[in-house]
Protein backbone atom coordinates (compact mmCIF):
# COMPACT_ATOMS: atom_id res chain seq x y z
CA MET A 1 31.87 -27.82 20.52
CA ALA A 2 29.19 -29.79 18.69
CA PRO A 3 30.35 -32.05 15.86
CA ALA A 4 29.51 -31.04 12.31
CA VAL A 5 26.51 -32.68 10.70
CA THR A 6 27.55 -34.75 7.71
CA GLY A 7 26.40 -37.52 5.41
CA ALA A 8 23.55 -39.68 6.68
CA ALA A 9 22.93 -37.44 9.68
CA HIS A 10 22.26 -34.50 7.37
CA ARG A 11 19.89 -36.53 5.23
CA MET A 12 17.95 -37.57 8.33
CA GLN A 13 17.54 -33.94 9.38
CA SER A 14 16.33 -32.96 5.92
CA ARG A 15 13.58 -35.60 6.02
CA ARG A 16 11.91 -33.73 8.85
CA PHE A 17 10.73 -31.09 6.38
CA ARG A 18 8.19 -31.34 3.56
CA CYS A 19 7.06 -28.80 1.02
CA ASP A 20 4.05 -30.07 -0.93
CA VAL A 21 2.76 -28.10 -3.92
CA ALA A 22 -0.77 -28.74 -5.18
CA ARG A 23 -1.96 -26.98 -8.33
CA ASN A 24 -5.59 -26.77 -9.35
CA GLY A 25 -7.75 -24.48 -11.45
CA ASP A 26 -8.11 -22.10 -8.53
CA GLY A 27 -4.41 -21.55 -7.92
CA VAL A 28 -1.60 -23.12 -5.94
CA ARG A 29 -1.48 -24.43 -2.37
CA ILE A 30 1.92 -24.89 -0.77
CA THR A 31 1.81 -26.91 2.44
CA LEU A 32 4.84 -26.88 4.73
CA GLU A 33 5.55 -29.49 7.36
CA GLY A 34 8.39 -29.58 9.90
CA GLU A 35 11.02 -26.90 10.39
CA LEU A 36 11.32 -23.87 8.13
CA ASP A 37 14.86 -22.63 8.69
CA ILE A 38 18.05 -21.71 6.86
CA ALA A 39 18.42 -25.27 5.55
CA THR A 40 14.89 -25.58 4.18
CA ALA A 41 14.07 -21.99 3.15
CA PRO A 42 15.59 -22.38 -0.37
CA GLU A 43 13.11 -25.17 -1.17
CA VAL A 44 10.21 -22.95 -0.09
CA GLU A 45 11.63 -19.97 -2.03
CA ALA A 46 11.76 -22.09 -5.18
CA ALA A 47 8.18 -23.35 -4.71
CA LEU A 48 6.88 -19.82 -4.13
CA ARG A 49 8.83 -18.47 -7.12
CA ASP A 50 7.45 -21.23 -9.37
CA ALA A 51 3.90 -20.56 -8.16
CA ALA A 52 4.25 -16.83 -8.83
CA GLY A 53 5.60 -17.46 -12.32
CA GLU A 54 2.69 -19.52 -13.55
CA PRO A 55 0.64 -17.73 -16.21
CA ALA A 56 -2.82 -16.67 -15.07
CA ALA A 57 -2.24 -18.35 -11.77
CA GLY A 58 -4.92 -17.88 -9.17
CA PRO A 59 -4.09 -17.19 -5.57
CA CYS A 60 -1.16 -18.81 -3.86
CA VAL A 61 -2.02 -20.22 -0.44
CA LEU A 62 0.84 -20.97 1.93
CA ASP A 63 -0.31 -23.41 4.61
CA LEU A 64 1.80 -23.25 7.79
CA ARG A 65 -0.37 -25.43 10.05
CA ALA A 66 2.07 -28.36 10.09
CA LEU A 67 5.19 -26.31 10.79
CA THR A 68 6.84 -27.04 14.11
CA PHE A 69 9.46 -24.28 13.93
CA MET A 70 10.30 -21.18 11.88
CA ASP A 71 13.39 -18.99 12.17
CA SER A 72 14.28 -15.64 10.63
CA SER A 73 15.20 -17.34 7.33
CA GLY A 74 11.67 -18.65 7.03
CA LEU A 75 10.23 -15.26 7.92
CA ARG A 76 12.41 -13.56 5.30
CA THR A 77 11.30 -16.10 2.69
CA ILE A 78 7.61 -15.45 3.39
CA LEU A 79 8.01 -11.66 3.50
CA SER A 80 9.95 -11.69 0.21
CA ALA A 81 7.29 -13.83 -1.46
CA ASN A 82 4.57 -11.53 -0.16
CA GLY A 83 6.38 -8.49 -1.57
CA ALA A 84 6.93 -10.18 -4.93
CA ALA A 85 3.26 -11.19 -5.08
CA ARG A 86 2.14 -7.62 -4.41
CA ARG A 87 4.50 -6.20 -7.03
CA GLY A 88 3.03 -8.71 -9.51
CA GLY A 89 -0.53 -7.72 -8.68
CA ARG A 90 -1.19 -10.95 -6.81
CA GLN A 91 -1.79 -11.90 -3.24
CA LEU A 92 -0.12 -14.45 -1.02
CA ARG A 93 -2.64 -15.96 1.37
CA ILE A 94 -1.28 -17.58 4.50
CA VAL A 95 -2.98 -20.20 6.66
CA ALA A 96 -1.66 -19.49 10.14
CA GLY A 97 0.70 -21.88 11.83
CA PRO A 98 0.75 -23.07 15.42
CA PRO A 99 1.37 -20.54 18.22
CA ALA A 100 5.17 -20.90 18.16
CA VAL A 101 5.25 -20.09 14.44
CA GLN A 102 2.74 -17.24 14.68
CA ARG A 103 4.79 -15.76 17.52
CA VAL A 104 7.65 -15.11 15.07
CA PHE A 105 5.35 -12.93 12.93
CA GLU A 106 4.02 -11.14 16.01
CA ILE A 107 7.43 -10.46 17.59
CA CYS A 108 8.65 -8.95 14.32
CA GLY A 109 5.50 -6.85 13.95
CA VAL A 110 4.63 -8.03 10.45
CA THR A 111 1.20 -9.58 10.91
CA ASP A 112 -0.63 -6.51 9.59
CA GLY A 113 1.25 -6.64 6.29
CA LEU A 114 0.32 -10.26 5.58
CA ARG A 115 -3.01 -11.80 4.66
CA PHE A 116 -3.89 -14.64 7.01
CA VAL A 117 -6.86 -16.75 5.93
CA GLU A 118 -8.89 -19.66 7.23
CA PRO A 119 -7.90 -23.11 5.97
């Protein structure tokens, strides 16, 4: 059985993920780096929720190019944000991630329901 992750070890794991939010007159760009999983998905959810709640916000671009891993929690976060954007009359634009990340979308058969764009 693997030992539980606690204290400093947990903080070290958390540093492997970044969620950068850049706002400009054209909208919001959220750039993710590292591993999008059950531990980091809440940070991404909050960033996407904040971006969607901005008045007269332009498009929200979610840049996945620097992700190294994504699990089902990350997929759920992105699908939920996409649904919320559509219900609000907006569009979530996604810059595709590396092959391992894109494979998650493909295996789950959701690529047609998302808008992937060029960087």
